[in-house]
């Protein structure tokens, strides 16, 4: 004699019990303990970064400082050097291409170049004024 209804209940109960026994992937991800900071690696990467920084190789130094921070995220000296190296690397890029900050031509002028827009004459330049020389008449004895 078959009891299909009981069989279905049993299978449901068995599936429910197995689901309770297996940990959820979300629970295991939340309960993972972050790795312990590797202070030796962090100090080593900081030293390499400082050497590159002193040589003016700011992009290389930035990478070393990033590795030092990854090894120990609480290492404040590495964070400070990383920030400085980032700023100096950016300054180096701007030095090579000054148009990044102050372009020679404004975007309006570039748009007007393609069109035949009427140009307004520039006002005449005044003659350069004589340079006034500063003469000390009385010395206050500072």
N, C-alpha and C. Protein backbone atom coordinates (compact mmCIF):
# COMPACT_ATOMS: atom_id res chain seq x y z
N UNK A 1 0.83 -1.16 0.00
CA UNK A 1 0.00 0.00 0.00
C UNK A 1 0.89 1.24 0.00
N UNK A 2 0.60 2.16 -0.92
CA UNK A 2 1.40 3.38 -1.06
C UNK A 2 0.70 4.54 -0.40
N UNK A 3 1.51 5.42 0.20
CA UNK A 3 0.99 6.65 0.79
C UNK A 3 1.75 7.82 0.17
N UNK A 4 1.31 8.29 -1.01
CA UNK A 4 2.05 9.36 -1.69
C UNK A 4 2.05 10.66 -0.89
N UNK A 5 1.00 10.92 -0.12
CA UNK A 5 0.93 12.16 0.65
C UNK A 5 1.98 12.18 1.75
N UNK A 6 2.18 11.04 2.41
CA UNK A 6 3.18 10.95 3.46
C UNK A 6 4.57 11.03 2.86
N UNK A 7 4.75 10.48 1.72
CA UNK A 7 6.04 10.52 1.06
C UNK A 7 6.43 11.96 0.72
N UNK A 8 5.46 12.74 0.26
CA UNK A 8 5.75 14.13 -0.06
C UNK A 8 6.10 14.92 1.20
N UNK A 9 5.40 14.66 2.27
CA UNK A 9 5.70 15.34 3.52
C UNK A 9 7.09 14.98 4.03
N UNK A 10 7.43 13.72 3.89
CA UNK A 10 8.74 13.27 4.33
C UNK A 10 9.85 13.94 3.52
N UNK A 11 9.66 14.00 2.20
CA UNK A 11 10.66 14.63 1.33
C UNK A 11 10.79 16.13 1.65
N UNK A 12 9.68 16.78 1.92
CA UNK A 12 9.72 18.20 2.28
C UNK A 12 10.47 18.40 3.60
N UNK A 13 10.18 17.55 4.57
CA UNK A 13 10.86 17.63 5.85
C UNK A 13 12.35 17.38 5.71
N UNK A 14 12.71 16.39 4.91
CA UNK A 14 14.12 16.07 4.69
C UNK A 14 14.83 17.25 4.01
N UNK A 15 14.21 17.84 3.01
CA UNK A 15 14.80 18.99 2.32
C UNK A 15 14.96 20.18 3.28
N UNK A 16 13.96 20.40 4.11
CA UNK A 16 14.02 21.49 5.09
C UNK A 16 15.14 21.27 6.11
N UNK A 17 15.32 20.05 6.56
CA UNK A 17 16.36 19.73 7.53
C UNK A 17 17.74 19.91 6.93
N UNK A 18 17.92 19.53 5.69
CA UNK A 18 19.21 19.70 5.02
C UNK A 18 19.50 21.19 4.83
N UNK A 19 18.48 21.96 4.47
CA UNK A 19 18.68 23.39 4.27
C UNK A 19 19.08 24.08 5.57
N UNK A 20 18.56 23.63 6.67
CA UNK A 20 18.93 24.21 7.96
C UNK A 20 20.36 23.85 8.36
N UNK A 21 20.79 22.68 7.97
CA UNK A 21 22.13 22.23 8.37
C UNK A 21 23.22 22.92 7.56
N UNK A 22 22.97 23.24 6.30
CA UNK A 22 23.98 23.87 5.46
C UNK A 22 24.03 25.37 5.76
N UNK A 23 25.22 25.90 5.92
CA UNK A 23 25.31 27.35 6.18
C UNK A 23 25.02 28.15 4.92
N UNK A 24 24.45 29.29 5.11
CA UNK A 24 24.15 30.19 4.00
C UNK A 24 25.46 30.85 3.54
N UNK A 25 25.62 31.08 2.24
CA UNK A 25 26.85 31.76 1.79
C UNK A 25 26.95 33.18 2.33
N UNK A 26 25.81 33.81 2.61
CA UNK A 26 25.84 35.17 3.15
C UNK A 26 26.32 35.18 4.59
N UNK A 27 25.95 34.17 5.34
CA UNK A 27 26.38 34.09 6.73
C UNK A 27 27.87 33.83 6.80
N UNK A 28 28.37 32.97 5.92
CA UNK A 28 29.80 32.66 5.97
C UNK A 28 30.64 33.85 5.52
N UNK A 29 30.13 34.65 4.58
CA UNK A 29 30.87 35.82 4.13
C UNK A 29 30.92 36.88 5.23
N UNK A 30 29.85 37.01 5.98
CA UNK A 30 29.83 38.01 7.04
C UNK A 30 30.68 37.60 8.22
N UNK A 31 30.75 36.31 8.47
CA UNK A 31 31.47 35.84 9.65
C UNK A 31 32.96 35.64 9.42
N UNK A 32 33.44 35.93 8.20
CA UNK A 32 34.87 35.76 7.94
C UNK A 32 35.65 36.83 8.69
N UNK A 33 36.72 36.42 9.28
CA UNK A 33 37.59 37.33 10.02
C UNK A 33 38.61 37.89 9.04
N UNK A 34 38.81 39.21 9.02
CA UNK A 34 39.79 39.76 8.10
C UNK A 34 41.19 39.24 8.46
N UNK A 35 42.05 39.10 7.45
CA UNK A 35 43.38 38.59 7.73
C UNK A 35 44.17 39.53 8.64
N UNK A 36 45.03 38.96 9.41
CA UNK A 36 45.87 39.77 10.31
C UNK A 36 46.82 40.61 9.48
N UNK A 37 47.07 41.84 9.90
CA UNK A 37 47.98 42.70 9.13
C UNK A 37 49.39 42.14 9.13
N UNK A 38 50.00 42.20 7.97
CA UNK A 38 51.37 41.73 7.81
C UNK A 38 52.29 42.94 7.96
N UNK A 39 52.72 43.20 9.17
CA UNK A 39 53.51 44.40 9.48
C UNK A 39 54.88 44.36 8.80
N UNK A 40 55.49 43.18 8.72
CA UNK A 40 56.82 43.08 8.12
C UNK A 40 56.77 43.44 6.63
N UNK A 41 55.76 42.91 5.92
CA UNK A 41 55.62 43.24 4.50
C UNK A 41 55.29 44.72 4.32
N UNK A 42 54.47 45.24 5.19
CA UNK A 42 54.10 46.65 5.10
C UNK A 42 55.31 47.56 5.27
N UNK A 43 56.16 47.26 6.24
CA UNK A 43 57.36 48.07 6.47
C UNK A 43 58.32 47.94 5.29
N UNK A 44 58.43 46.74 4.74
CA UNK A 44 59.32 46.51 3.60
C UNK A 44 58.85 47.32 2.39
N UNK A 45 57.54 47.29 2.10
CA UNK A 45 57.00 48.04 0.98
C UNK A 45 57.13 49.55 1.22
N UNK A 46 57.00 49.97 2.48
CA UNK A 46 57.18 51.38 2.80
C UNK A 46 58.60 51.83 2.49
N UNK A 47 59.59 51.01 2.85
CA UNK A 47 60.99 51.35 2.57
C UNK A 47 61.24 51.47 1.07
N UNK A 48 60.72 50.51 0.30
CA UNK A 48 60.90 50.57 -1.16
C UNK A 48 60.20 51.81 -1.72
N UNK A 49 59.04 52.12 -1.18
CA UNK A 49 58.32 53.30 -1.64
C UNK A 49 59.06 54.58 -1.32
N UNK A 50 59.66 54.64 -0.14
CA UNK A 50 60.42 55.84 0.23
C UNK A 50 61.63 56.02 -0.68
N UNK A 51 62.28 54.93 -1.04
CA UNK A 51 63.43 55.03 -1.95
C UNK A 51 63.00 55.55 -3.31
N UNK A 52 61.89 55.04 -3.82
CA UNK A 52 61.39 55.51 -5.12
C UNK A 52 60.95 56.97 -5.02
N UNK A 53 60.34 57.32 -3.90
CA UNK A 53 59.88 58.68 -3.68
C UNK A 53 61.05 59.65 -3.69
N UNK A 54 62.14 59.28 -3.02
CA UNK A 54 63.32 60.15 -2.97
C UNK A 54 63.98 60.30 -4.32
N UNK A 55 63.84 59.30 -5.19
CA UNK A 55 64.42 59.37 -6.54
C UNK A 55 63.52 60.11 -7.51
N UNK A 56 62.31 60.47 -7.06
CA UNK A 56 61.39 61.19 -7.93
C UNK A 56 60.52 60.29 -8.77
N UNK A 57 60.52 59.00 -8.51
CA UNK A 57 59.69 58.05 -9.25
C UNK A 57 58.38 57.87 -8.47
N UNK A 58 57.50 58.84 -8.63
CA UNK A 58 56.31 58.91 -7.79
C UNK A 58 55.28 57.83 -8.11
N UNK A 59 55.17 57.44 -9.38
CA UNK A 59 54.22 56.38 -9.72
C UNK A 59 54.66 55.04 -9.12
N UNK A 60 55.96 54.77 -9.18
CA UNK A 60 56.47 53.54 -8.56
C UNK A 60 56.28 53.59 -7.04
N UNK A 61 56.58 54.74 -6.47
CA UNK A 61 56.42 54.90 -5.02
C UNK A 61 54.97 54.71 -4.61
N UNK A 62 54.07 55.23 -5.41
CA UNK A 62 52.64 55.10 -5.11
C UNK A 62 52.23 53.63 -5.07
N UNK A 63 52.74 52.83 -5.98
CA UNK A 63 52.42 51.40 -5.99
C UNK A 63 52.98 50.69 -4.75
N UNK A 64 54.19 51.03 -4.36
CA UNK A 64 54.75 50.43 -3.15
C UNK A 64 53.94 50.81 -1.91
N UNK A 65 53.55 52.08 -1.83
CA UNK A 65 52.76 52.51 -0.68
C UNK A 65 51.39 51.84 -0.68
N UNK A 66 50.82 51.63 -1.87
CA UNK A 66 49.54 50.93 -1.95
C UNK A 66 49.67 49.51 -1.44
N UNK A 67 50.76 48.84 -1.78
CA UNK A 67 50.99 47.47 -1.29
C UNK A 67 51.19 47.47 0.23
N UNK A 68 51.85 48.50 0.74
CA UNK A 68 52.04 48.60 2.19
C UNK A 68 50.70 48.78 2.90
N UNK A 69 49.82 49.55 2.30
CA UNK A 69 48.49 49.77 2.89
C UNK A 69 47.66 48.50 2.81
N UNK A 70 47.79 47.76 1.71
CA UNK A 70 47.04 46.51 1.60
C UNK A 70 47.52 45.50 2.63
N UNK A 71 48.80 45.50 2.93
CA UNK A 71 49.33 44.57 3.92
C UNK A 71 48.88 44.96 5.33
N UNK A 72 48.81 46.26 5.60
CA UNK A 72 48.37 46.73 6.92
C UNK A 72 47.57 48.03 6.74
N UNK A 73 46.24 47.93 6.67
CA UNK A 73 45.41 49.12 6.43
C UNK A 73 45.46 50.17 7.55
N UNK A 74 45.98 49.83 8.71
CA UNK A 74 46.05 50.80 9.80
C UNK A 74 47.38 51.54 9.86
N UNK A 75 48.24 51.34 8.89
CA UNK A 75 49.58 51.93 8.87
C UNK A 75 49.47 53.36 8.36
N UNK A 76 49.38 54.33 9.28
CA UNK A 76 49.11 55.72 8.90
C UNK A 76 50.25 56.37 8.12
N UNK A 77 51.48 56.00 8.40
CA UNK A 77 52.61 56.58 7.67
C UNK A 77 52.53 56.21 6.20
N UNK A 78 52.16 54.97 5.92
CA UNK A 78 52.02 54.53 4.52
C UNK A 78 50.89 55.30 3.84
N UNK A 79 49.81 55.56 4.56
CA UNK A 79 48.72 56.35 4.00
C UNK A 79 49.19 57.75 3.64
N UNK A 80 49.96 58.37 4.50
CA UNK A 80 50.45 59.74 4.24
C UNK A 80 51.37 59.78 3.03
N UNK A 81 52.30 58.83 2.97
CA UNK A 81 53.19 58.78 1.81
C UNK A 81 52.42 58.47 0.54
N UNK A 82 51.40 57.63 0.63
CA UNK A 82 50.59 57.29 -0.54
C UNK A 82 49.91 58.55 -1.07
N UNK A 83 49.35 59.36 -0.17
CA UNK A 83 48.71 60.61 -0.58
C UNK A 83 49.71 61.56 -1.24
N UNK A 84 50.89 61.69 -0.64
CA UNK A 84 51.90 62.58 -1.21
C UNK A 84 52.36 62.09 -2.58
N UNK A 85 52.60 60.81 -2.70
CA UNK A 85 53.04 60.26 -3.98
C UNK A 85 51.98 60.45 -5.05
N UNK A 86 50.71 60.31 -4.67
CA UNK A 86 49.63 60.52 -5.62
C UNK A 86 49.61 61.97 -6.10
N UNK A 87 49.77 62.91 -5.18
CA UNK A 87 49.77 64.32 -5.56
C UNK A 87 50.96 64.66 -6.46
N UNK A 88 52.13 64.17 -6.10
CA UNK A 88 53.31 64.47 -6.91
C UNK A 88 53.25 63.79 -8.28
N UNK A 89 52.66 62.61 -8.35
CA UNK A 89 52.50 61.94 -9.65
C UNK A 89 51.55 62.74 -10.53
N UNK A 90 50.48 63.25 -9.94
CA UNK A 90 49.55 64.08 -10.69
C UNK A 90 50.22 65.38 -11.14
N UNK A 91 51.02 65.96 -10.26
CA UNK A 91 51.74 67.20 -10.62
C UNK A 91 52.71 66.93 -11.77
N UNK A 92 53.33 65.77 -11.78
CA UNK A 92 54.22 65.42 -12.88
C UNK A 92 53.48 65.31 -14.20
N UNK A 93 52.28 64.76 -14.17
CA UNK A 93 51.49 64.67 -15.40
C UNK A 93 51.07 66.06 -15.88
N UNK A 94 50.72 66.93 -14.94
CA UNK A 94 50.33 68.28 -15.32
C UNK A 94 51.53 69.04 -15.87
N UNK A 95 52.72 68.82 -15.31
CA UNK A 95 53.93 69.48 -15.81
C UNK A 95 54.21 69.10 -17.25
N UNK A 96 53.98 67.84 -17.57
CA UNK A 96 54.22 67.38 -18.94
C UNK A 96 53.19 67.95 -19.90
N UNK A 97 51.96 68.11 -19.42
CA UNK A 97 50.89 68.61 -20.27
C UNK A 97 50.16 69.72 -19.52
N UNK A 98 50.63 70.94 -19.70
CA UNK A 98 50.07 72.07 -18.96
C UNK A 98 48.64 72.38 -19.38
N UNK A 99 48.20 71.85 -20.53
CA UNK A 99 46.83 72.09 -20.97
C UNK A 99 45.80 71.40 -20.09
N UNK A 100 46.24 70.52 -19.21
CA UNK A 100 45.30 69.85 -18.32
C UNK A 100 44.66 70.83 -17.36
N UNK A 101 45.39 71.86 -16.95
CA UNK A 101 44.86 72.81 -15.98
C UNK A 101 44.41 74.10 -16.66
N UNK A 102 45.28 74.70 -17.44
CA UNK A 102 44.97 75.99 -18.06
C UNK A 102 45.17 75.89 -19.57
N UNK A 103 44.14 75.56 -20.32
CA UNK A 103 44.31 75.48 -21.77
C UNK A 103 44.54 76.87 -22.36
N UNK A 104 45.24 76.90 -23.49
CA UNK A 104 45.53 78.18 -24.14
C UNK A 104 44.27 78.83 -24.72
N UNK A 105 43.33 78.00 -25.13
CA UNK A 105 42.13 78.50 -25.79
C UNK A 105 40.92 78.05 -24.99
N UNK A 106 39.98 78.95 -24.81
CA UNK A 106 38.76 78.57 -24.09
C UNK A 106 37.87 77.73 -25.00
N UNK A 107 36.99 76.93 -24.44
CA UNK A 107 36.11 76.11 -25.27
C UNK A 107 35.24 76.94 -26.21
N UNK A 108 34.86 78.16 -25.83
CA UNK A 108 34.06 79.01 -26.71
C UNK A 108 34.85 79.41 -27.95
N UNK A 109 36.13 79.72 -27.74
CA UNK A 109 36.96 80.11 -28.88
C UNK A 109 37.17 78.93 -29.82
N UNK A 110 37.31 77.73 -29.27
CA UNK A 110 37.48 76.55 -30.12
C UNK A 110 36.23 76.31 -30.94
N UNK A 111 35.05 76.52 -30.34
CA UNK A 111 33.81 76.32 -31.06
C UNK A 111 33.65 77.37 -32.16
N UNK A 112 34.13 78.58 -31.92
CA UNK A 112 34.02 79.65 -32.90
C UNK A 112 34.99 79.54 -34.04
N UNK A 113 36.04 78.74 -33.90
CA UNK A 113 37.04 78.62 -34.97
C UNK A 113 36.46 77.95 -36.21
N UNK A 114 35.63 76.99 -36.00
CA UNK A 114 35.05 76.26 -37.13
C UNK A 114 34.04 77.11 -37.88
N UNK A 115 33.40 78.03 -37.24
CA UNK A 115 32.38 78.88 -37.86
C UNK A 115 33.04 80.17 -38.35
N UNK A 116 32.38 80.80 -39.26
CA UNK A 116 32.89 82.09 -39.72
C UNK A 116 32.20 83.19 -38.92
N UNK A 117 32.53 83.28 -37.68
CA UNK A 117 31.94 84.28 -36.80
C UNK A 117 32.67 85.60 -36.98
N UNK A 118 31.91 86.69 -36.89
CA UNK A 118 32.58 87.99 -37.03
C UNK A 118 33.51 88.22 -35.85
N UNK A 119 34.67 88.73 -36.17
CA UNK A 119 35.65 88.98 -35.12
C UNK A 119 35.62 90.45 -34.75
N UNK A 120 35.77 90.73 -33.51
CA UNK A 120 35.81 92.12 -33.06
C UNK A 120 37.27 92.54 -32.97
N UNK A 121 37.55 93.75 -33.44
CA UNK A 121 38.95 94.18 -33.38
C UNK A 121 39.38 94.39 -31.94
N UNK A 122 40.61 94.08 -31.68
CA UNK A 122 41.12 94.26 -30.33
C UNK A 122 41.46 95.73 -30.12
N UNK A 123 41.28 96.24 -28.92
CA UNK A 123 41.58 97.65 -28.66
C UNK A 123 43.08 97.90 -28.79
N UNK A 124 43.44 99.11 -29.20
CA UNK A 124 44.88 99.40 -29.35
C UNK A 124 45.57 99.38 -27.99
N UNK A 125 46.77 98.92 -28.02
CA UNK A 125 47.54 98.83 -26.77
C UNK A 125 48.16 100.19 -26.45
N UNK A 126 48.12 100.51 -25.19
CA UNK A 126 48.71 101.77 -24.74
C UNK A 126 50.22 101.61 -24.65
N UNK A 127 50.89 102.71 -24.77
CA UNK A 127 52.34 102.68 -24.66
C UNK A 127 52.72 102.28 -23.24
N UNK A 128 53.77 101.50 -23.09
CA UNK A 128 54.16 101.10 -21.74
C UNK A 128 54.55 102.31 -20.90
N UNK A 129 54.09 102.29 -19.68
CA UNK A 129 54.36 103.40 -18.77
C UNK A 129 55.80 103.32 -18.28
N UNK A 130 56.32 104.50 -17.91
CA UNK A 130 57.68 104.53 -17.39
C UNK A 130 57.72 103.83 -16.05
N UNK A 131 58.78 103.13 -15.82
CA UNK A 131 58.93 102.46 -14.54
C UNK A 131 59.30 103.49 -13.49
N UNK A 132 58.55 103.46 -12.41
CA UNK A 132 58.84 104.37 -11.32
C UNK A 132 59.82 103.67 -10.39
N UNK A 133 60.85 104.38 -10.07
CA UNK A 133 61.81 103.82 -9.14
C UNK A 133 61.48 104.31 -7.75
N UNK A 134 61.60 103.43 -6.81
CA UNK A 134 61.30 103.76 -5.43
C UNK A 134 62.57 104.24 -4.74
N UNK A 135 62.48 105.40 -4.14
CA UNK A 135 63.63 106.00 -3.47
C UNK A 135 63.29 106.19 -2.01
N UNK A 136 64.16 105.75 -1.14
CA UNK A 136 63.96 105.93 0.29
C UNK A 136 64.43 107.33 0.63
N UNK A 137 63.49 108.15 1.11
CA UNK A 137 63.86 109.52 1.45
C UNK A 137 64.37 109.63 2.87
N UNK A 138 63.72 108.96 3.79
CA UNK A 138 64.16 108.99 5.18
C UNK A 138 64.23 107.57 5.68
N UNK A 139 65.26 107.23 6.36
CA UNK A 139 65.39 105.92 6.94
C UNK A 139 64.83 105.98 8.36
N UNK A 140 63.88 105.11 8.65
CA UNK A 140 63.28 105.11 9.97
C UNK A 140 64.12 104.38 10.98
N UNK A 141 65.14 103.74 10.57
CA UNK A 141 66.04 103.05 11.50
C UNK A 141 65.47 101.75 12.03
N UNK A 142 64.85 100.98 11.22
CA UNK A 142 64.26 99.74 11.67
C UNK A 142 65.33 98.84 12.12
